[in-house]
Amino acid sequence: MKFAPLFVAAAVVCSGAAWAQGAAAPATTGAATVHAVCKDGTPFEGAKMSGACRGHGGVDKKATAAAAGGAAPAAPVAAASAAPAAPAAPAKGLTKTAPATASMPAAGAAPGQVWANDSTKVYHCAGDKFFGKTKKGEYLSEADAKAKGFHASHGKACGA
């Protein structure tokens, strides 16, 4: 019986320490959350970016930056849960039909023009993946590009 007050005091001290740790735990579990968009349009939310979109083609950096810039990352999830019968539409700009977008001329290009890359002196046709996408270049007709000393990408001239 001499030890009863000692045990009670130890229990009070230990329960106070446990209570203090319990209050501090939510602050540490509320660590920064990473939001990303996978290349197939699937939203990701987790503790770290490593392996975020494994099995989904990787992280789409442009869509992730756009989502972080203004759009709420929970919007695609809310839209998917609001209409469970309909499949979720891919995010804007995220389509799997790359050949259809590659065959369309880039903004600012007239039909029949090529993209002339000034730094490499190579011109790219409208269906090429680099058409209108290099840092330095201009839209020219194929004849003008040849006259300025540009050569065709991979030695293939554009079809008429």
Protein backbone atom coordinates (compact mmCIF):
# COMPACT_ATOMS: atom_id res chain seq x y z
CA MET A 1 0.00 0.00 0.00
CA LYS A 2 2.94 2.30 0.43
CA PHE A 3 3.47 2.21 -3.34
CA ALA A 4 -0.13 3.05 -4.34
CA PRO A 5 0.42 6.85 -4.41
CA LEU A 6 3.61 6.29 -6.39
CA PHE A 7 1.75 4.18 -8.98
CA VAL A 8 -1.03 6.77 -9.25
CA ALA A 9 1.50 9.55 -9.76
CA ALA A 10 3.32 7.51 -12.43
CA ALA A 11 0.01 6.80 -14.20
CA VAL A 12 -0.91 10.49 -14.23
CA VAL A 13 2.51 11.46 -15.60
CA CYS A 14 2.42 8.74 -18.28
CA SER A 15 -1.15 9.53 -19.34
CA GLY A 16 -0.23 13.21 -19.63
CA ALA A 17 2.74 12.34 -21.84
CA ALA A 18 0.58 10.10 -24.00
CA TRP A 19 -2.04 12.85 -24.28
CA ALA A 20 0.61 15.38 -25.33
CA GLN A 21 1.95 12.98 -27.97
CA GLY A 22 -1.58 12.35 -29.23
CA ALA A 23 -2.10 16.09 -29.71
CA ALA A 24 1.20 16.43 -31.57
CA ALA A 25 0.56 13.44 -33.84
CA PRO A 26 -1.98 15.13 -36.16
CA ALA A 27 0.46 17.95 -36.81
CA THR A 28 3.11 15.51 -38.05
CA THR A 29 0.67 13.40 -40.09
CA GLY A 30 -0.61 16.51 -41.86
CA ALA A 31 2.62 16.71 -43.87
CA ALA A 32 2.62 18.20 -47.35
CA THR A 33 0.61 16.20 -49.85
CA VAL A 34 1.78 15.89 -53.44
CA HIS A 35 -0.79 16.25 -56.22
CA ALA A 36 -0.07 15.08 -59.77
CA VAL A 37 -1.80 14.06 -62.98
CA CYS A 38 -0.69 10.91 -64.77
CA LYS A 39 -0.21 10.78 -68.54
CA ASP A 40 -3.42 8.78 -68.89
CA GLY A 41 -5.36 11.50 -67.03
CA THR A 42 -5.58 9.75 -63.67
CA PRO A 43 -5.19 12.11 -60.69
CA PHE A 44 -2.66 11.19 -57.99
CA GLU A 45 -2.42 12.35 -54.38
CA GLY A 46 0.22 11.04 -52.02
CA ALA A 47 3.06 11.79 -49.64
CA LYS A 48 5.83 11.84 -52.27
CA MET A 49 6.17 12.03 -56.04
CA SER A 50 8.42 8.97 -56.33
CA GLY A 51 6.50 6.27 -58.19
CA ALA A 52 3.41 8.47 -58.34
CA CYS A 53 2.08 7.27 -61.70
CA ARG A 54 3.69 3.88 -62.00
CA GLY A 55 1.58 1.85 -64.41
CA HIS A 56 -0.10 4.95 -65.84
CA GLY A 57 2.66 6.09 -68.22
CA GLY A 58 4.38 8.41 -65.76
CA VAL A 59 3.62 11.91 -64.50
CA ASP A 60 2.32 14.45 -67.01
CA LYS A 61 4.32 17.49 -65.95
CA LYS A 62 2.35 19.99 -68.05
CA ALA A 63 -1.02 18.86 -66.69
CA THR A 64 0.36 18.69 -63.15
CA ALA A 65 1.67 22.26 -63.43
CA ALA A 66 -1.68 23.43 -64.83
CA ALA A 67 -3.56 21.70 -62.00
CA ALA A 68 -1.28 23.28 -59.41
CA GLY A 69 -1.61 26.69 -61.05
CA GLY A 70 -5.35 27.13 -60.73
CA ALA A 71 -7.54 24.07 -61.06
CA ALA A 72 -8.49 22.21 -57.92
CA PRO A 73 -7.07 18.66 -57.99
CA ALA A 74 -10.23 17.30 -56.36
CA ALA A 75 -12.41 18.40 -59.30
CA PRO A 76 -11.73 15.31 -61.49
CA VAL A 77 -12.43 13.03 -58.54
CA ALA A 78 -15.68 14.85 -57.75
CA ALA A 79 -16.76 14.71 -61.39
CA ALA A 80 -16.06 10.98 -61.53
CA SER A 81 -18.03 10.30 -58.35
CA ALA A 82 -20.95 12.51 -59.46
CA ALA A 83 -21.56 10.41 -62.61
CA PRO A 84 -20.43 6.86 -61.85
CA ALA A 85 -22.24 5.37 -64.88
CA ALA A 86 -20.39 7.54 -67.42
CA PRO A 87 -16.65 7.07 -67.91
CA ALA A 88 -14.56 10.02 -66.82
CA ALA A 89 -13.45 12.20 -69.71
CA PRO A 90 -9.70 12.70 -70.03
CA ALA A 91 -8.31 15.98 -68.74
CA LYS A 92 -8.11 18.86 -71.19
CA GLY A 93 -5.17 18.37 -73.52
CA LEU A 94 -4.66 14.74 -72.49
CA THR A 95 -5.74 12.49 -75.33
CA LYS A 96 -4.32 9.23 -76.55
CA THR A 97 -4.82 10.19 -80.19
CA ALA A 98 -1.35 11.60 -80.80
CA PRO A 99 -1.40 10.93 -84.59
CA ALA A 100 -4.52 13.08 -84.99
CA THR A 101 -2.94 16.05 -83.19
CA ALA A 102 0.39 15.55 -84.95
CA SER A 103 -1.23 15.77 -88.39
CA MET A 104 -2.94 19.05 -87.55
CA PRO A 105 -0.86 22.17 -88.23
CA ALA A 106 0.40 24.04 -85.20
CA ALA A 107 -1.08 27.42 -84.37
CA GLY A 108 0.28 30.06 -86.75
CA ALA A 109 1.12 27.65 -89.56
CA ALA A 110 -0.60 27.94 -92.90
CA PRO A 111 -1.26 24.78 -94.91
CA GLY A 112 1.82 23.74 -96.86
CA GLN A 113 4.31 25.41 -94.52
CA VAL A 114 7.16 23.71 -92.69
CA TRP A 115 8.77 24.50 -89.35
CA ALA A 116 12.36 25.62 -89.89
CA ASN A 117 14.55 25.09 -86.82
CA ASP A 118 17.08 27.93 -86.83
CA SER A 119 19.57 26.26 -84.47
CA THR A 120 19.91 22.99 -86.44
CA LYS A 121 19.04 24.19 -89.97
CA VAL A 122 16.51 21.36 -90.26
CA TYR A 123 12.91 21.83 -91.41
CA HIS A 124 10.04 19.66 -90.16
CA CYS A 125 6.87 18.77 -92.08
CA ALA A 126 3.35 19.13 -90.65
CA GLY A 127 3.15 15.49 -89.45
CA ASP A 128 6.54 15.55 -87.72
CA LYS A 129 6.62 15.44 -83.90
CA PHE A 130 8.92 18.50 -83.82
CA PHE A 131 6.69 20.63 -86.11
CA GLY A 132 6.33 23.97 -84.34
CA LYS A 133 7.83 22.65 -81.10
CA THR A 134 11.51 23.60 -81.11
CA LYS A 135 12.63 26.68 -79.19
CA LYS A 136 14.01 28.65 -82.13
CA GLY A 137 12.38 28.51 -85.53
CA GLU A 138 9.89 29.94 -87.97
CA TYR A 139 7.20 28.85 -90.39
CA LEU A 140 8.29 28.93 -94.04
CA SER A 141 7.29 27.35 -97.30
CA GLU A 142 9.38 24.30 -98.14
CA ALA A 143 10.98 26.14 -101.08
CA ASP A 144 11.94 29.10 -98.87
CA ALA A 145 13.42 26.76 -96.26
CA LYS A 146 15.57 25.06 -98.92
CA ALA A 147 16.62 28.46 -100.32
CA LYS A 148 17.80 29.54 -96.82
CA GLY A 149 19.97 26.43 -96.50
CA PHE A 150 17.68 24.20 -94.38
CA HIS A 151 17.49 20.47 -95.08
CA ALA A 152 14.59 18.06 -94.50
CA SER A 153 14.31 16.15 -91.25
CA HIS A 154 15.77 12.65 -91.75
CA GLY A 155 16.26 13.51 -95.44
CA LYS A 156 12.52 13.19 -96.18
CA ALA A 157 10.96 16.07 -98.10
CA CYS A 158 7.33 16.94 -97.38
CA GLY A 159 4.64 15.61 -99.73
CA ALA A 160 2.66 18.07 -101.84
